[in-house]
Protein backbone atom coordinates (compact mmCIF):
# COMPACT_ATOMS: atom_id res chain seq x y z
CA MET A 1 15.68 160.15 117.09
CA ARG A 2 16.28 159.26 113.49
CA GLN A 3 15.90 155.81 112.47
CA GLU A 4 19.24 155.93 110.93
CA TYR A 5 20.87 156.86 114.07
CA ILE A 6 19.50 154.06 115.85
CA ASP A 7 20.94 151.78 113.11
CA ILE A 8 24.32 153.05 113.35
CA ALA A 9 24.30 152.62 116.95
CA VAL A 10 23.12 149.14 116.42
CA HIS A 11 26.10 148.28 114.12
CA LEU A 12 28.85 150.00 116.20
CA GLY A 13 27.42 148.49 119.42
CA SER A 14 27.20 145.05 117.92
CA ALA A 15 31.04 145.28 116.44
CA TRP A 16 32.10 146.51 119.97
CA VAL A 17 30.55 143.55 121.67
CA ALA A 18 32.19 141.06 119.23
CA GLY A 19 35.56 142.42 119.58
CA SER A 20 35.41 142.93 123.06
CA LEU A 21 34.61 139.13 123.81
CA ILE A 22 37.47 137.89 121.34
CA GLY A 23 39.80 140.66 123.39
CA LEU A 24 38.68 139.43 126.76
CA GLU A 25 40.01 135.82 125.64
CA ARG A 26 43.15 137.15 124.58
CA SER A 27 43.69 139.28 127.75
CA PHE A 28 42.99 136.42 130.07
CA HIS A 29 45.88 134.74 128.53
CA GLY A 30 48.20 137.58 128.65
CA ARG A 31 48.65 138.45 125.21
CA PRO A 32 49.84 141.98 124.36
CA ALA A 33 46.97 142.69 121.82
CA GLY A 34 44.02 142.08 124.32
CA PHE A 35 40.65 143.64 125.26
CA ARG A 36 40.99 147.21 124.15
CA THR A 37 42.82 146.26 120.93
CA HIS A 38 40.28 143.93 119.55
CA ALA A 39 37.51 146.18 120.85
CA LEU A 40 38.94 149.33 119.04
CA VAL A 41 39.92 147.20 115.74
CA CYS A 42 36.48 145.97 115.28
CA VAL A 43 34.58 148.99 116.00
CA ALA A 44 37.18 151.03 113.91
CA SER A 45 36.29 148.36 110.68
CA ALA A 46 32.47 148.77 111.38
CA LEU A 47 32.93 152.71 111.56
CA LEU A 48 34.88 152.67 108.11
CA MET A 49 32.33 150.55 106.60
CA LEU A 50 29.51 153.03 107.67
CA VAL A 51 31.06 155.79 105.51
CA THR A 52 29.98 153.78 102.61
CA VAL A 53 26.60 152.12 103.78
CA TYR A 54 25.55 155.79 104.37
CA GLN A 55 27.33 157.65 101.88
CA TRP A 56 24.52 159.57 101.39
CA GLU A 57 24.54 161.24 104.48
CA TRP A 58 28.03 162.68 103.71
CA ILE A 59 27.82 163.14 99.74
CA GLY A 60 25.29 165.87 100.51
CA SER A 61 23.48 167.48 97.71
CA VAL A 62 25.45 165.61 95.04
CA PRO A 63 23.32 163.44 92.97
CA LEU A 64 24.12 159.90 93.61
CA GLU A 65 23.93 159.14 89.71
CA THR A 66 27.27 161.22 89.48
CA VAL A 67 29.21 159.45 92.13
CA ARG A 68 30.23 155.97 92.06
CA THR A 69 31.43 154.35 95.16
CA ASP A 70 32.47 150.73 95.72
CA PRO A 71 32.02 149.29 99.28
CA THR A 72 34.26 146.45 98.62
CA ARG A 73 37.30 148.84 98.01
CA MET A 74 36.88 150.17 101.86
CA ALA A 75 36.96 146.55 102.91
CA GLN A 76 40.15 146.01 100.89
CA GLY A 77 41.76 149.02 102.29
CA ILE A 78 40.72 147.99 105.93
CA MET A 79 42.18 144.34 105.60
CA THR A 80 45.32 145.84 104.05
CA GLY A 81 45.86 148.09 106.66
CA ILE A 82 45.18 145.86 109.56
CA GLY A 83 48.21 143.83 108.21
CA PHE A 84 50.32 146.20 109.81
CA LEU A 85 49.11 145.99 113.25
CA GLY A 86 49.15 142.22 113.10
CA ALA A 87 52.76 142.13 112.06
CA GLY A 88 53.29 144.38 115.02
CA VAL A 89 52.31 141.54 117.57
CA ILE A 90 54.11 138.89 115.70
CA PHE A 91 58.02 138.44 116.90
CA LYS A 92 60.78 136.01 116.40
CA GLU A 93 63.31 134.70 118.95
CA ASN A 94 65.82 132.44 117.83
CA PHE A 95 63.68 129.51 116.49
CA SER A 96 60.42 130.44 118.41
CA VAL A 97 57.68 132.59 116.52
CA ARG A 98 55.04 134.17 119.11
CA GLY A 99 52.07 135.98 118.23
CA LEU A 100 50.84 134.45 115.34
CA THR A 101 47.40 133.41 116.78
CA THR A 102 46.88 136.96 117.99
CA ALA A 103 47.65 138.47 114.73
CA ALA A 104 45.05 136.05 113.20
CA SER A 105 42.46 137.16 115.73
CA ILE A 106 43.33 140.85 114.93
CA TRP A 107 42.70 139.96 111.31
CA VAL A 108 39.37 138.07 112.05
CA THR A 109 38.23 140.99 114.42
CA SER A 110 38.67 143.25 111.49
CA ALA A 111 36.84 141.25 109.35
CA LEU A 112 33.85 140.99 111.67
CA GLY A 113 33.89 144.76 112.07
CA ILE A 114 33.27 145.20 108.29
CA LEU A 115 30.44 142.49 108.50
CA PHE A 116 28.77 144.39 111.61
CA GLY A 117 29.33 147.72 109.83
CA VAL A 118 27.39 146.71 106.75
CA GLY A 119 24.55 145.16 108.94
CA PHE A 120 25.37 141.26 107.84
CA TYR A 121 24.60 140.13 111.14
CA TYR A 122 23.69 136.49 110.93
CA PRO A 123 27.23 135.76 109.34
CA ALA A 124 29.00 138.15 111.79
CA ILE A 125 27.51 136.60 114.69
CA ALA A 126 28.15 133.00 113.69
CA ALA A 127 31.83 134.09 112.98
CA THR A 128 31.96 135.81 116.30
CA ALA A 129 31.10 132.35 118.07
CA ILE A 130 33.31 130.38 115.55
CA THR A 131 36.08 132.55 116.76
CA LEU A 132 35.74 132.22 120.38
CA VAL A 133 35.27 128.61 120.31
CA THR A 134 38.27 128.51 118.00
CA LEU A 135 40.33 130.33 120.68
CA SER A 136 39.32 128.92 123.78
CA LEU A 137 38.11 125.42 123.22
CA PHE A 138 41.04 124.48 120.80
CA ARG A 139 43.23 125.30 123.33
CA LEU A 140 42.11 122.32 125.27
CA VAL A 141 42.06 120.06 122.02
CA GLU A 142 45.85 121.39 121.23
CA ALA A 143 46.67 120.37 125.06
CA ARG A 144 45.49 116.95 124.33
CA MET A 145 47.08 116.36 120.97
CA PRO A 146 50.45 114.58 120.61
CA THR A 147 52.77 117.28 119.73
CA GLN A 148 56.68 117.43 118.87
CA PHE A 149 58.59 119.41 121.18
CA TYR A 150 61.61 121.58 119.62
CA ALA A 151 64.57 122.61 121.53
CA GLN A 152 67.79 124.14 120.97
CA HIS A 153 70.44 122.00 122.57
CA LEU A 154 74.19 123.06 123.26
CA LEU A 155 76.94 120.59 124.86
CA ARG A 156 80.51 121.90 125.58
CA PHE A 157 83.43 119.97 126.39
CA ARG A 158 87.04 120.08 126.93
CA LYS A 159 88.69 119.46 123.87
CA ASP A 160 90.69 116.17 125.15
CA GLU A 161 87.30 114.96 126.57
CA THR A 162 85.07 115.57 123.80
CA LEU A 163 82.52 112.71 122.71
CA THR A 164 82.69 111.69 119.49
CA GLU A 165 79.27 112.71 117.23
CA PRO A 166 78.10 108.95 117.21
CA GLU A 167 78.25 109.10 120.93
CA VAL A 168 76.57 112.46 121.28
CA ARG A 169 73.93 111.07 118.96
CA ARG A 170 73.56 107.80 121.25
CA LEU A 171 73.26 109.76 124.31
CA ILE A 172 70.56 112.08 122.72
CA GLU A 173 68.39 109.24 121.42
CA ASP A 174 68.54 107.14 124.21
CA HIS A 175 66.53 109.67 125.82
CA HIS A 176 63.91 109.51 123.28
CA PHE A 177 65.07 112.55 121.10
CA THR A 178 65.58 112.92 117.31
CA ILE A 179 68.44 115.57 116.38
CA SER A 180 67.07 117.54 113.23
CA ASN A 181 70.65 119.16 112.51
CA MET A 182 74.04 119.56 114.30
CA SER A 183 76.78 122.09 114.08
CA TYR A 184 80.12 121.93 115.66
CA ARG A 185 82.52 125.00 117.05
CA LEU A 186 85.96 125.02 118.38
CA GLY A 187 86.34 127.98 120.78
CA GLU A 188 88.26 129.47 123.57
CA ASN A 189 91.56 129.24 121.28
CA GLY A 190 90.84 125.55 121.04
CA ALA A 191 90.62 124.74 124.51
CA VAL A 192 86.37 123.82 124.17
CA PHE A 193 84.46 122.10 121.50
CA GLU A 194 80.86 122.40 121.22
CA TYR A 195 77.92 120.60 119.81
CA ARG A 196 74.92 122.74 118.55
CA MET A 197 71.76 121.01 117.43
CA ILE A 198 67.96 121.22 117.18
CA ILE A 199 66.44 118.31 119.04
CA LYS A 200 62.93 117.20 118.94
CA THR A 201 60.66 114.95 120.92
CA VAL A 202 56.78 113.79 121.52
CA ALA A 203 57.06 114.13 125.30
CA LYS A 204 58.16 117.17 126.93
CA GLU A 205 58.93 115.28 130.31
CA ASN A 206 62.07 114.07 128.03
CA LEU A 207 63.36 117.33 128.24
CA GLU A 208 63.61 117.45 132.10
CA ARG A 209 65.04 113.91 132.02
CA LEU A 210 67.87 114.71 129.27
CA ALA A 211 68.67 117.78 131.73
CA ALA A 212 68.97 115.44 134.66
CA SER A 213 71.26 112.97 132.96
CA LEU A 214 73.60 115.90 131.63
CA ARG A 215 73.86 117.21 134.61
CA ALA A 216 75.15 114.22 136.57
CA ARG A 217 78.02 113.77 133.87
CA ARG A 218 81.36 114.98 134.59
CA ASP A 219 82.80 115.41 131.33
CA ILE A 220 80.54 118.11 130.01
CA LEU A 221 81.59 121.59 130.71
CA GLU A 222 78.20 123.21 130.01
CA PHE A 223 74.97 122.19 128.31
CA ARG A 224 71.74 124.31 127.16
CA ILE A 225 68.37 123.13 126.69
CA SER A 226 66.28 125.83 125.12
CA PRO A 227 62.69 124.70 124.31
CA THR A 228 60.75 126.81 121.43
CA VAL A 229 57.63 128.08 121.65
CA ASN A 230 55.07 128.90 119.05
């Protein structure tokens, strides 16, 4: 077997392993772009870079002096194209944005494929380890960090039983929330008045306490607390 074939198999195999490991972490956490997606992205990037690394294999009998190729342009094309795949896993739902981490993992997987494709193994292996640590262990760090929790909040009253804005603000702030913004709406032919707002807190348990307090009130027709998830 020709040595070039062995080298190509090593390039593609190492890219496949690195992409698969990152994809396994994404699949374990139920992300839409998981095991197979990351494995294929990494192998595809490596495969395209092999086109430039082994260009004499497909250029044929044309003298290399008459052909000018730039491997970095292939890398630029790969990273530009992968943006479309990354954008496909990001979606916005009201004030929530999901898929950013998965998009970033696809992007770094593509970069790893480029490194494995050209045989730059040391930074490729180091970056694979860093990526796996970031996706797995950093999740534990995030879980222990103090974080602000945001939620969309709706309060509806009968027009003649509506709380004033200072009373609403006091009700929300008594449960350790801060109101980011507030809007008002009069609906149902003037029979119902509603407040819409974005609230934030540093303790997720406050959402349950606020919901329990609002549930016990008789003057509230309807309330809604919708936590935003990034």
